[in-house]
Amino acid sequence: MQIGNRHIRLGVLDIGSNTVHMLIVDAAPGARPEPEASSRSVVRMMQYLKEDGTIKKSGVKAILAAVDQAMKLAEQYEVSQVVPIATSALRDAPNGPKILVQIEQRIGQGVSVLSGPDEARLTFLAARRWYGWGAGRLLVLDIGGGSLEVASGVDEEPDKAMSVPAGAGRVTHSYLPEGTADSKQLAHLRKKVDHIIEPIVKEFADSKRPDHVVATSKTFRSLARLAGSKVKTIGSDESWRMNRAQLEDWIPRLASIEPEQRVALPGITPERTNQIVGGAVVADEIMKALKIDEIEICPWALREGAILRWLDQFGRTRFGF
């Protein structure tokens, strides 16, 4: 594809808790980023954690192999600029800095290690640009593999942005390692999740009521396809909504099904089968705590936010705007 004088081919390398993802787009300041290609390697870093949070050697090997695979795609598509970001798994691991050095040596540049609030801000920026000013006050929820982010505000920079270690992979690894649960185990998991999300609940308790509540991430998308419904939107993009009551009804049934059998359910992909129950409980508990009855799934999330922020900071100078 021929790229115009005011466009650049960007590759966002997202080193997350579940996957290492390369998203390649043609982008320009003021233009919608157009996806060209993407690749995703499932790593599931939580399975490689030692008791102290250190990532095992086998996990480091898996991460580096996934990064190499992602960079091959960037080379194939002649990416002009790679925007590498790392989230909670490497941020929280005691040996994270050493692993980052190895990654940076492989890709030939530094990696931005995002704080939890930074993740929330970038995701919020993506949602704001997607829905526009007409959406009013936004409340944005994002469940990753290692953490949960919540942000709210009326501008492109949220008034509040927080993160807690309540990712779908993390709570599953810590409290639901078998992937299945009976009613007693689910009640125990809910109590643990409630304790973890308490700082967010306290911080957002006195916030103004949002005009629009949206959620991002693969966990929420999977749950919406399972317990939600598709809604009409302008254009060709899909939009899904999920009601908390429907989600809550699904959780005990989902928890009783063996992980390998869950792929037969709508929206449940192979890499999410084991941790979808943990993710569902986190989604249900944060929605309940913040008095949210329904959410809409936003197609854009952290990676798109990273693209938009890069264009805002560097794109206009690069293109002479």
C-alpha atoms as a PDB file:
ATOM      1  CA  MET A   1       0.000   0.000   0.000  1.00  0.00           C
ATOM      2  CA  GLN A   2       1.312   3.428  -0.951  1.00  0.00           C
ATOM      3  CA  ILE A   3       1.517   5.729   2.046  1.00  0.00           C
ATOM      4  CA  GLY A   4       0.839   9.412   1.462  1.00  0.00           C
ATOM      5  CA  ASN A   5       3.214  12.242   2.397  1.00  0.00           C
ATOM      6  CA  ARG A   6       1.297  12.934   5.585  1.00  0.00           C
ATOM      7  CA  HIS A   7       0.975   9.329   6.694  1.00  0.00           C
ATOM      8  CA  ILE A   8       3.368   7.064   8.538  1.00  0.00           C
ATOM      9  CA  ARG A   9       3.260   3.331   9.086  1.00  0.00           C
ATOM     10  CA  LEU A  10       3.311   2.693  12.838  1.00  0.00           C
ATOM     11  CA  GLY A  11       3.698  -0.586  14.646  1.00  0.00           C
ATOM     12  CA  VAL A  12       2.481  -0.746  18.240  1.00  0.00           C
ATOM     13  CA  LEU A  13       4.231  -3.530  20.130  1.00  0.00           C
ATOM     14  CA  ASP A  14       2.060  -4.274  23.168  1.00  0.00           C
ATOM     15  CA  ILE A  15       3.764  -6.603  25.655  1.00  0.00           C
ATOM     16  CA  GLY A  16       0.875  -7.555  27.885  1.00  0.00           C
ATOM     17  CA  SER A  17       0.123 -10.156  30.538  1.00  0.00           C
ATOM     18  CA  ASN A  18      -1.714 -12.508  28.176  1.00  0.00           C
ATOM     19  CA  THR A  19      -0.306 -11.723  24.757  1.00  0.00           C
ATOM     20  CA  VAL A  20       2.433  -9.971  22.847  1.00  0.00           C
ATOM     21  CA  HIS A  21       0.599  -8.083  20.135  1.00  0.00           C
ATOM     22  CA  MET A  22       1.847  -6.126  17.135  1.00  0.00           C
ATOM     23  CA  LEU A  23      -0.700  -3.801  15.543  1.00  0.00           C
ATOM     24  CA  ILE A  24       0.374  -2.087  12.320  1.00  0.00           C
ATOM     25  CA  VAL A  25      -1.505   0.989  11.120  1.00  0.00           C
ATOM     26  CA  ASP A  26      -1.189   3.765   8.581  1.00  0.00           C
ATOM     27  CA  ALA A  27      -1.663   6.947  10.568  1.00  0.00           C
ATOM     28  CA  ALA A  28      -1.519  10.716  10.375  1.00  0.00           C
ATOM     29  CA  PRO A  29      -2.456  13.546  12.750  1.00  0.00           C
ATOM     30  CA  GLY A  30      -6.193  14.189  12.540  1.00  0.00           C
ATOM     31  CA  ALA A  31      -6.886  11.010  10.553  1.00  0.00           C
ATOM     32  CA  ARG A  32      -8.384   7.727  11.685  1.00  0.00           C
ATOM     33  CA  PRO A  33      -5.612   5.104  12.062  1.00  0.00           C
ATOM     34  CA  GLU A  34      -6.175   2.465   9.394  1.00  0.00           C
ATOM     35  CA  PRO A  35      -5.187  -1.073  10.449  1.00  0.00           C
ATOM     36  CA  GLU A  36      -2.886  -2.850   7.990  1.00  0.00           C
ATOM     37  CA  ALA A  37      -1.955  -6.018   9.852  1.00  0.00           C
ATOM     38  CA  SER A  38      -1.641  -7.545  13.292  1.00  0.00           C
ATOM     39  CA  SER A  39      -0.116 -10.548  14.965  1.00  0.00           C
ATOM     40  CA  ARG A  40      -0.707 -11.964  18.398  1.00  0.00           C
ATOM     41  CA  SER A  41       1.297 -14.509  20.371  1.00  0.00           C
ATOM     42  CA  VAL A  42      -0.406 -15.984  23.423  1.00  0.00           C
ATOM     43  CA  VAL A  43       2.069 -16.010  26.309  1.00  0.00           C
ATOM     44  CA  ARG A  44      -0.058 -16.064  29.506  1.00  0.00           C
ATOM     45  CA  MET A  45       2.711 -14.708  31.703  1.00  0.00           C
ATOM     46  CA  MET A  46       0.833 -15.513  34.909  1.00  0.00           C
ATOM     47  CA  GLN A  47       1.556 -19.217  34.399  1.00  0.00           C
ATOM     48  CA  TYR A  48       5.279 -18.462  34.510  1.00  0.00           C
ATOM     49  CA  LEU A  49       5.293 -16.552  37.798  1.00  0.00           C
ATOM     50  CA  LYS A  50       7.196 -17.761  40.826  1.00  0.00           C
ATOM     51  CA  GLU A  51       5.797 -17.111  44.309  1.00  0.00           C
ATOM     52  CA  ASP A  52       7.621 -13.775  44.567  1.00  0.00           C
ATOM     53  CA  GLY A  53       6.293 -12.629  41.163  1.00  0.00           C
ATOM     54  CA  THR A  54       9.533 -13.297  39.284  1.00  0.00           C
ATOM     55  CA  ILE A  55       9.028 -14.547  35.727  1.00  0.00           C
ATOM     56  CA  LYS A  56      10.613 -17.979  35.195  1.00  0.00           C
ATOM     57  CA  LYS A  57      13.280 -18.597  32.538  1.00  0.00           C
ATOM     58  CA  SER A  58      10.745 -20.476  30.415  1.00  0.00           C
ATOM     59  CA  GLY A  59       8.483 -17.418  30.580  1.00  0.00           C
ATOM     60  CA  VAL A  60      11.307 -15.103  29.536  1.00  0.00           C
ATOM     61  CA  LYS A  61      12.009 -17.393  26.582  1.00  0.00           C
ATOM     62  CA  ALA A  62       8.329 -17.289  25.569  1.00  0.00           C
ATOM     63  CA  ILE A  63       8.223 -13.485  25.798  1.00  0.00           C
ATOM     64  CA  LEU A  64      11.367 -13.009  23.711  1.00  0.00           C
ATOM     65  CA  ALA A  65      10.161 -15.463  21.060  1.00  0.00           C
ATOM     66  CA  ALA A  66       6.859 -13.576  20.845  1.00  0.00           C
ATOM     67  CA  VAL A  67       8.681 -10.247  20.493  1.00  0.00           C
ATOM     68  CA  ASP A  68      10.836 -11.684  17.703  1.00  0.00           C
ATOM     69  CA  GLN A  69       7.708 -12.874  15.902  1.00  0.00           C
ATOM     70  CA  ALA A  70       6.087  -9.458  16.243  1.00  0.00           C
ATOM     71  CA  MET A  71       9.152  -7.675  14.885  1.00  0.00           C
ATOM     72  CA  LYS A  72       9.196  -9.964  11.828  1.00  0.00           C
ATOM     73  CA  LEU A  73       5.755  -8.635  10.940  1.00  0.00           C
ATOM     74  CA  ALA A  74       6.952  -5.052  11.422  1.00  0.00           C
ATOM     75  CA  GLU A  75       9.854  -5.729   9.080  1.00  0.00           C
ATOM     76  CA  GLN A  76       7.578  -7.395   6.531  1.00  0.00           C
ATOM     77  CA  TYR A  77       5.288  -4.345   6.444  1.00  0.00           C
ATOM     78  CA  GLU A  78       8.201  -1.874   6.407  1.00  0.00           C
ATOM     79  CA  VAL A  79       7.107  -0.085   9.549  1.00  0.00           C
ATOM     80  CA  SER A  80       8.659   3.366   9.886  1.00  0.00           C
ATOM     81  CA  GLN A  81       8.218   3.670  13.630  1.00  0.00           C
ATOM     82  CA  VAL A  82       7.681   1.057  16.337  1.00  0.00           C
ATOM     83  CA  VAL A  83       5.895   2.204  19.496  1.00  0.00           C
ATOM     84  CA  PRO A  84       6.713  -0.428  22.155  1.00  0.00           C
ATOM     85  CA  ILE A  85       4.752  -0.515  25.408  1.00  0.00           C
ATOM     86  CA  ALA A  86       4.763  -2.919  28.352  1.00  0.00           C
ATOM     87  CA  THR A  87       2.071  -3.261  30.994  1.00  0.00           C
ATOM     88  CA  SER A  88       1.517  -4.867  34.388  1.00  0.00           C
ATOM     89  CA  ALA A  89       3.261  -8.238  33.958  1.00  0.00           C
ATOM     90  CA  LEU A  90       6.706  -6.736  33.308  1.00  0.00           C
ATOM     91  CA  ARG A  91       5.993  -3.682  35.450  1.00  0.00           C
ATOM     92  CA  ASP A  92       5.350  -5.773  38.547  1.00  0.00           C
ATOM     93  CA  ALA A  93       7.875  -8.577  38.093  1.00  0.00           C
ATOM     94  CA  PRO A  94      11.077  -8.257  40.178  1.00  0.00           C
ATOM     95  CA  ASN A  95      13.108  -9.336  37.137  1.00  0.00           C
ATOM     96  CA  GLY A  96      11.070  -7.144  34.792  1.00  0.00           C
ATOM     97  CA  PRO A  97      13.883  -4.583  34.263  1.00  0.00           C
ATOM     98  CA  LYS A  98      16.322  -7.329  33.178  1.00  0.00           C
ATOM     99  CA  ILE A  99      13.788  -8.741  30.742  1.00  0.00           C
ATOM    100  CA  LEU A 100      13.175  -5.273  29.340  1.00  0.00           C
ATOM    101  CA  VAL A 101      16.882  -4.859  28.624  1.00  0.00           C
ATOM    102  CA  GLN A 102      16.804  -8.055  26.552  1.00  0.00           C
ATOM    103  CA  ILE A 103      13.698  -6.882  24.680  1.00  0.00           C
ATOM    104  CA  GLU A 104      15.226  -3.473  23.982  1.00  0.00           C
ATOM    105  CA  GLN A 105      18.384  -5.086  22.624  1.00  0.00           C
ATOM    106  CA  ARG A 106      16.262  -7.149  20.228  1.00  0.00           C
ATOM    107  CA  ILE A 107      14.113  -4.297  18.917  1.00  0.00           C
ATOM    108  CA  GLY A 108      16.820  -1.622  18.963  1.00  0.00           C
ATOM    109  CA  GLN A 109      14.979   0.945  21.058  1.00  0.00           C
ATOM    110  CA  GLY A 110      13.559   1.620  24.496  1.00  0.00           C
ATOM    111  CA  VAL A 111      10.248   0.266  25.746  1.00  0.00           C
ATOM    112  CA  SER A 112       7.767   2.491  27.555  1.00  0.00           C
ATOM    113  CA  VAL A 113       6.713   0.715  30.736  1.00  0.00           C
ATOM    114  CA  LEU A 114       3.297   2.122  31.497  1.00  0.00           C
ATOM    115  CA  SER A 115       2.097   2.677  35.028  1.00  0.00           C
ATOM    116  CA  GLY A 116      -1.412   1.509  35.849  1.00  0.00           C
ATOM    117  CA  PRO A 117      -2.847   5.050  35.676  1.00  0.00           C
ATOM    118  CA  ASP A 118      -1.004   5.574  32.371  1.00  0.00           C
ATOM    119  CA  GLU A 119      -2.765   2.501  30.970  1.00  0.00           C
ATOM    120  CA  ALA A 120      -6.079   3.908  32.144  1.00  0.00           C
ATOM    121  CA  ARG A 121      -5.364   7.314  30.553  1.00  0.00           C
ATOM    122  CA  LEU A 122      -4.373   5.912  27.175  1.00  0.00           C
ATOM    123  CA  THR A 123      -7.408   3.640  27.092  1.00  0.00           C
ATOM    124  CA  PHE A 124      -9.620   6.565  28.058  1.00  0.00           C
ATOM    125  CA  LEU A 125      -8.125   8.670  25.239  1.00  0.00           C
ATOM    126  CA  ALA A 126      -8.952   5.924  22.744  1.00  0.00           C
ATOM    127  CA  ALA A 127     -12.547   5.706  23.978  1.00  0.00           C
ATOM    128  CA  ARG A 128     -12.974   9.482  23.922  1.00  0.00           C
ATOM    129  CA  ARG A 129     -11.762   9.730  20.328  1.00  0.00           C
ATOM    130  CA  TRP A 130     -13.982   6.803  19.337  1.00  0.00           C
ATOM    131  CA  TYR A 131     -17.192   8.196  20.850  1.00  0.00           C
ATOM    132  CA  GLY A 132     -16.448  11.916  20.504  1.00  0.00           C
ATOM    133  CA  TRP A 133     -17.515  14.842  22.635  1.00  0.00           C
ATOM    134  CA  GLY A 134     -21.184  13.994  22.212  1.00  0.00           C
ATOM    135  CA  ALA A 135     -20.764  11.059  24.601  1.00  0.00           C
ATOM    136  CA  GLY A 136     -20.460  13.499  27.494  1.00  0.00           C
ATOM    137  CA  ARG A 137     -18.896  12.239  30.711  1.00  0.00           C
ATOM    138  CA  LEU A 138     -17.297   8.852  30.025  1.00  0.00           C
ATOM    139  CA  LEU A 139     -16.576   6.071  32.468  1.00  0.00           C
ATOM    140  CA  VAL A 140     -14.159   3.546  30.960  1.00  0.00           C
ATOM    141  CA  LEU A 141     -13.429   0.067  32.345  1.00  0.00           C
ATOM    142  CA  ASP A 142     -10.619  -2.189  31.117  1.00  0.00           C
ATOM    143  CA  ILE A 143      -9.783  -5.692  32.381  1.00  0.00           C
ATOM    144  CA  GLY A 144      -6.387  -6.901  31.255  1.00  0.00           C
ATOM    145  CA  GLY A 145      -4.524 -10.040  32.180  1.00  0.00           C
ATOM    146  CA  GLY A 146      -2.795  -8.490  35.175  1.00  0.00           C
ATOM    147  CA  SER A 147      -4.790  -5.423  36.125  1.00  0.00           C
ATOM    148  CA  LEU A 148      -8.100  -3.576  36.056  1.00  0.00           C
ATOM    149  CA  GLU A 149      -8.168   0.065  34.938  1.00  0.00           C
ATOM    150  CA  VAL A 150     -10.949   2.578  35.502  1.00  0.00           C
ATOM    151  CA  ALA A 151     -11.024   6.185  34.272  1.00  0.00           C
ATOM    152  CA  SER A 152     -13.639   8.907  33.984  1.00  0.00           C
ATOM    153  CA  GLY A 153     -13.942  12.454  32.702  1.00  0.00           C
ATOM    154  CA  VAL A 154     -15.388  14.866  30.162  1.00  0.00           C
ATOM    155  CA  ASP A 155     -12.170  15.757  28.314  1.00  0.00           C
ATOM    156  CA  GLU A 156      -9.483  13.727  26.545  1.00  0.00           C
ATOM    157  CA  GLU A 157      -7.526  13.575  29.799  1.00  0.00           C
ATOM    158  CA  PRO A 158      -9.612  11.848  32.486  1.00  0.00           C
ATOM    159  CA  ASP A 159     -10.396  13.485  35.813  1.00  0.00           C
ATOM    160  CA  LYS A 160      -9.627  10.197  37.550  1.00  0.00           C
ATOM    161  CA  ALA A 161      -7.572   7.228  36.391  1.00  0.00           C
ATOM    162  CA  MET A 162      -6.757   4.240  38.564  1.00  0.00           C
ATOM    163  CA  SER A 163      -5.444   0.710  38.311  1.00  0.00           C
ATOM    164  CA  VAL A 164      -5.513  -2.283  40.678  1.00  0.00           C
ATOM    165  CA  PRO A 165      -4.085  -5.828  40.302  1.00  0.00           C
ATOM    166  CA  ALA A 166      -7.423  -7.422  39.419  1.00  0.00           C
ATOM    167  CA  GLY A 167      -6.703  -8.695  35.918  1.00  0.00           C
ATOM    168  CA  ALA A 168      -8.452 -11.820  34.696  1.00  0.00           C
ATOM    169  CA  GLY A 169      -5.233 -13.835  34.561  1.00  0.00           C
ATOM    170  CA  ARG A 170      -3.958 -12.621  37.912  1.00  0.00           C
ATOM    171  CA  VAL A 171      -7.106 -13.392  39.935  1.00  0.00           C
ATOM    172  CA  THR A 172      -7.423 -16.767  38.212  1.00  0.00           C
ATOM    173  CA  HIS A 173      -3.796 -17.649  38.960  1.00  0.00           C
ATOM    174  CA  SER A 174      -4.147 -16.557  42.602  1.00  0.00           C
ATOM    175  CA  TYR A 175      -7.623 -17.743  43.552  1.00  0.00           C
ATOM    176  CA  LEU A 176      -9.028 -20.038  40.851  1.00  0.00           C
ATOM    177  CA  PRO A 177      -6.132 -22.101  39.455  1.00  0.00           C
ATOM    178  CA  GLU A 178      -8.369 -24.988  38.356  1.00  0.00           C
ATOM    179  CA  GLY A 179     -10.524 -22.648  36.291  1.00  0.00           C
ATOM    180  CA  THR A 180     -13.777 -24.092  37.648  1.00  0.00           C
ATOM    181  CA  ALA A 181     -15.624 -23.180  40.844  1.00  0.00           C
ATOM    182  CA  ASP A 182     -18.643 -24.113  42.935  1.00  0.00           C
ATOM    183  CA  SER A 183     -20.834 -21.557  44.723  1.00  0.00           C
ATOM    184  CA  LYS A 184     -18.584 -21.481  47.810  1.00  0.00           C
ATOM    185  CA  GLN A 185     -15.440 -20.909  45.737  1.00  0.00           C
ATOM    186  CA  LEU A 186     -17.169 -18.186  43.728  1.00  0.00           C
ATOM    187  CA  ALA A 187     -18.222 -16.424  46.932  1.00  0.00           C
ATOM    188  CA  HIS A 188     -14.616 -16.580  48.164  1.00  0.00           C
ATOM    189  CA  LEU A 189     -13.361 -15.188  44.842  1.00  0.00           C
ATOM    190  CA  ARG A 190     -15.873 -12.334  44.995  1.00  0.00           C
ATOM    191  CA  LYS A 191     -14.640 -11.350  48.469  1.00  0.00           C
ATOM    192  CA  LYS A 192     -11.033 -11.322  47.270  1.00  0.00           C
ATOM    193  CA  VAL A 193     -11.916  -9.234  44.221  1.00  0.00           C
ATOM    194  CA  ASP A 194     -13.961  -6.802  46.344  1.00  0.00           C
ATOM    195  CA  HIS A 195     -10.928  -6.264  48.555  1.00  0.00           C
ATOM    196  CA  ILE A 196      -8.633  -5.616  45.577  1.00  0.00           C
ATOM    197  CA  ILE A 197     -10.985  -3.131  43.885  1.00  0.00           C
ATOM    198  CA  GLU A 198     -11.767  -1.260  47.121  1.00  0.00           C
ATOM    199  CA  PRO A 199      -9.376   1.661  46.348  1.00  0.00           C
ATOM    200  CA  ILE A 200     -11.154   2.274  43.026  1.00  0.00           C
ATOM    201  CA  VAL A 201     -14.580   2.076  44.642  1.00  0.00           C
ATOM    202  CA  LYS A 202     -13.593   4.619  47.293  1.00  0.00           C
ATOM    203  CA  GLU A 203     -12.045   6.983  44.754  1.00  0.00           C
ATOM    204  CA  PHE A 204     -14.992   6.875  42.358  1.00  0.00           C
ATOM    205  CA  ALA A 205     -17.746   6.798  44.986  1.00  0.00           C
ATOM    206  CA  ASP A 206     -18.336  10.562  44.870  1.00  0.00           C
ATOM    207  CA  SER A 207     -17.791  10.958  41.109  1.00  0.00           C
ATOM    208  CA  LYS A 208     -20.435  12.555  38.926  1.00  0.00           C
ATOM    209  CA  ARG A 209     -22.765  10.132  37.220  1.00  0.00           C
ATOM    210  CA  PRO A 210     -21.363   9.242  33.765  1.00  0.00           C
ATOM    211  CA  ASP A 211     -23.355   9.900  30.616  1.00  0.00           C
ATOM    212  CA  HIS A 212     -21.894   6.854  28.940  1.00  0.00           C
ATOM    213  CA  VAL A 213     -20.211   3.757  30.407  1.00  0.00           C
ATOM    214  CA  VAL A 214     -17.930   1.771  28.114  1.00  0.00           C
ATOM    215  CA  ALA A 215     -15.579  -1.160  28.496  1.00  0.00           C
ATOM    216  CA  THR A 216     -12.591  -2.307  26.475  1.00  0.00           C
ATOM    217  CA  SER A 217     -10.324  -5.353  26.341  1.00  0.00           C
ATOM    218  CA  LYS A 218     -10.684  -8.911  25.129  1.00  0.00           C
ATOM    219  CA  THR A 219     -12.214 -10.050  28.431  1.00  0.00           C
ATOM    220  CA  PHE A 220     -15.124  -7.630  28.196  1.00  0.00           C
ATOM    221  CA  ARG A 221     -15.596  -8.344  24.482  1.00  0.00           C
ATOM    222  CA  SER A 222     -15.746 -12.082  25.144  1.00  0.00           C
ATOM    223  CA  LEU A 223     -18.220 -11.624  27.986  1.00  0.00           C
ATOM    224  CA  ALA A 224     -20.433  -9.332  25.901  1.00  0.00           C
ATOM    225  CA  ARG A 225     -20.666 -11.940  23.147  1.00  0.00           C
ATOM    226  CA  LEU A 226     -21.597 -14.496  25.764  1.00  0.00           C
ATOM    227  CA  ALA A 227     -23.954 -12.468  27.958  1.00  0.00           C
ATOM    228  CA  GLY A 228     -24.786  -9.410  25.845  1.00  0.00           C
ATOM    229  CA  SER A 229     -26.239  -8.396  22.518  1.00  0.00           C
ATOM    230  CA  LYS A 230     -25.222  -6.619  19.332  1.00  0.00           C
ATOM    231  CA  VAL A 231     -26.603  -3.109  18.818  1.00  0.00           C
ATOM    232  CA  LYS A 232     -26.939  -0.940  15.731  1.00  0.00           C
ATOM    233  CA  THR A 233     -24.306   1.727  15.150  1.00  0.00           C
ATOM    234  CA  ILE A 234     -23.372   4.183  12.427  1.00  0.00           C
ATOM    235  CA  GLY A 235     -20.966   2.579   9.968  1.00  0.00           C
ATOM    236  CA  SER A 236     -19.769  -0.985   9.660  1.00  0.00           C
ATOM    237  CA  ASP A 237     -18.162  -1.452  13.070  1.00  0.00           C
ATOM    238  CA  GLU A 238     -19.799  -3.917  15.448  1.00  0.00           C
ATOM    239  CA  SER A 239     -21.068  -2.699  18.784  1.00  0.00           C
ATOM    240  CA  TRP A 240     -22.036  -4.844  21.737  1.00  0.00           C
ATOM    241  CA  ARG A 241     -23.739  -4.103  25.034  1.00  0.00           C
ATOM    242  CA  MET A 242     -23.840  -6.197  28.170  1.00  0.00           C
ATOM    243  CA  ASN A 243     -26.284  -6.096  31.046  1.00  0.00           C
ATOM    244  CA  ARG A 244     -24.889  -6.924  34.489  1.00  0.00           C
ATOM    245  CA  ALA A 245     -27.878  -9.073  35.417  1.00  0.00           C
ATOM    246  CA  GLN A 246     -27.258 -11.275  32.369  1.00  0.00           C
ATOM    247  CA  LEU A 247     -23.559 -11.528  33.214  1.00  0.00           C
ATOM    248  CA  GLU A 248     -24.304 -12.456  36.811  1.00  0.00           C
ATOM    249  CA  ASP A 249     -26.703 -15.157  35.629  1.00  0.00           C
ATOM    250  CA  TRP A 250     -23.994 -16.665  33.422  1.00  0.00           C
ATOM    251  CA  ILE A 251     -21.178 -16.803  35.998  1.00  0.00           C
ATOM    252  CA  PRO A 252     -22.187 -19.941  37.983  1.00  0.00           C
ATOM    253  CA  ARG A 253     -22.982 -21.790  34.765  1.00  0.00           C
ATOM    254  CA  LEU A 254     -19.691 -20.735  33.208  1.00  0.00           C
ATOM    255  CA  ALA A 255     -17.784 -21.729  36.353  1.00  0.00           C
ATOM    256  CA  SER A 256     -19.248 -25.244  36.273  1.00  0.00           C
ATOM    257  CA  ILE A 257     -18.050 -25.959  32.721  1.00  0.00           C
ATOM    258  CA  GLU A 258     -14.586 -27.439  32.234  1.00  0.00           C
ATOM    259  CA  PRO A 259     -12.251 -24.846  30.643  1.00  0.00           C
ATOM    260  CA  GLU A 260     -11.553 -26.889  27.499  1.00  0.00           C
ATOM    261  CA  GLN A 261     -15.290 -27.159  26.829  1.00  0.00           C
ATOM    262  CA  ARG A 262     -15.916 -23.409  26.996  1.00  0.00           C
ATOM    263  CA  VAL A 263     -14.715 -22.827  23.440  1.00  0.00           C
ATOM    264  CA  ALA A 264     -18.130 -24.050  22.317  1.00  0.00           C
ATOM    265  CA  LEU A 265     -19.692 -20.960  23.902  1.00  0.00           C
ATOM    266  CA  PRO A 266     -20.112 -17.667  21.984  1.00  0.00           C
ATOM    267  CA  GLY A 267     -17.105 -15.356  22.268  1.00  0.00           C
ATOM    268  CA  ILE A 268     -14.872 -17.654  24.332  1.00  0.00           C
ATOM    269  CA  THR A 269     -11.571 -18.105  22.500  1.00  0.00           C
ATOM    270  CA  PRO A 270      -9.071 -20.875  23.395  1.00  0.00           C
ATOM    271  CA  GLU A 271      -6.658 -18.525  25.156  1.00  0.00           C
ATOM    272  CA  ARG A 272      -9.431 -17.220  27.434  1.00  0.00           C
ATOM    273  CA  THR A 273     -11.051 -20.489  28.488  1.00  0.00           C
ATOM    274  CA  ASN A 274      -9.249 -20.832  31.820  1.00  0.00           C
ATOM    275  CA  GLN A 275      -9.429 -17.225  32.988  1.00  0.00           C
ATOM    276  CA  ILE A 276     -12.847 -16.167  31.698  1.00  0.00           C
ATOM    277  CA  VAL A 277     -14.552 -16.960  35.032  1.00  0.00           C
ATOM    278  CA  GLY A 278     -12.072 -14.803  36.932  1.00  0.00           C
ATOM    279  CA  GLY A 279     -12.581 -12.013  34.396  1.00  0.00           C
ATOM    280  CA  ALA A 280     -16.357 -12.338  34.647  1.00  0.00           C
ATOM    281  CA  VAL A 281     -16.273 -12.021  38.438  1.00  0.00           C
ATOM    282  CA  VAL A 282     -14.057  -8.921  38.213  1.00  0.00           C
ATOM    283  CA  ALA A 283     -16.426  -7.395  35.645  1.00  0.00           C
ATOM    284  CA  ASP A 284     -19.478  -8.180  37.746  1.00  0.00           C
ATOM    285  CA  GLU A 285     -18.001  -6.891  41.005  1.00  0.00           C
ATOM    286  CA  ILE A 286     -16.698  -3.594  39.593  1.00  0.00           C
ATOM    287  CA  MET A 287     -19.992  -2.947  37.784  1.00  0.00           C
ATOM    288  CA  LYS A 288     -21.946  -3.720  40.945  1.00  0.00           C
ATOM    289  CA  ALA A 289     -19.673  -1.570  43.140  1.00  0.00           C
ATOM    290  CA  LEU A 290     -19.923   1.422  40.774  1.00  0.00           C
ATOM    291  CA  LYS A 291     -23.683   0.919  40.309  1.00  0.00           C
ATOM    292  CA  ILE A 292     -23.393   0.161  36.586  1.00  0.00           C
ATOM    293  CA  ASP A 293     -26.269  -1.780  35.068  1.00  0.00           C
ATOM    294  CA  GLU A 294     -25.077  -1.853  31.447  1.00  0.00           C
ATOM    295  CA  ILE A 295     -21.913  -1.243  29.475  1.00  0.00           C
ATOM    296  CA  GLU A 296     -21.101  -0.765  25.801  1.00  0.00           C
ATOM    297  CA  ILE A 297     -17.987  -2.329  24.319  1.00  0.00           C
ATOM    298  CA  CYS A 298     -15.569   0.154  22.737  1.00  0.00           C
ATOM    299  CA  PRO A 299     -13.626  -1.238  19.736  1.00  0.00           C
ATOM    300  CA  TRP A 300     -10.590   0.915  20.554  1.00  0.00           C
ATOM    301  CA  ALA A 301      -8.411   0.363  23.614  1.00  0.00           C
ATOM    302  CA  LEU A 302      -4.836   0.692  24.863  1.00  0.00           C
ATOM    303  CA  ARG A 303      -3.012   0.136  21.567  1.00  0.00           C
ATOM    304  CA  GLU A 304      -5.124   2.715  19.747  1.00  0.00           C
ATOM    305  CA  GLY A 305      -4.577   5.096  22.645  1.00  0.00           C
ATOM    306  CA  ALA A 306      -0.814   4.647  22.283  1.00  0.00           C
ATOM    307  CA  ILE A 307      -1.078   5.435  18.562  1.00  0.00           C
ATOM    308  CA  LEU A 308      -3.134   8.556  19.181  1.00  0.00           C
ATOM    309  CA  ARG A 309      -0.797   9.786  21.912  1.00  0.00           C
ATOM    310  CA  TRP A 310       2.241   9.248  19.681  1.00  0.00           C
ATOM    311  CA  LEU A 311       0.605  11.198  16.870  1.00  0.00           C
ATOM    312  CA  ASP A 312      -0.335  14.011  19.246  1.00  0.00           C
ATOM    313  CA  GLN A 313       3.198  14.252  20.648  1.00  0.00           C
ATOM    314  CA  PHE A 314       5.374  13.564  17.624  1.00  0.00           C
ATOM    315  CA  GLY A 315       3.233  13.340  14.509  1.00  0.00           C
ATOM    316  CA  ARG A 316       2.564  17.004  13.920  1.00  0.00           C
ATOM    317  CA  THR A 317       6.257  17.919  14.236  1.00  0.00           C
ATOM    318  CA  ARG A 318       7.247  15.082  11.945  1.00  0.00           C
ATOM    319  CA  PHE A 319       4.761  16.115   9.273  1.00  0.00           C
ATOM    320  CA  GLY A 320       5.390  19.848   9.622  1.00  0.00           C
ATOM    321  CA  PHE A 321       1.937  20.738  11.001  1.00  0.00           C
END
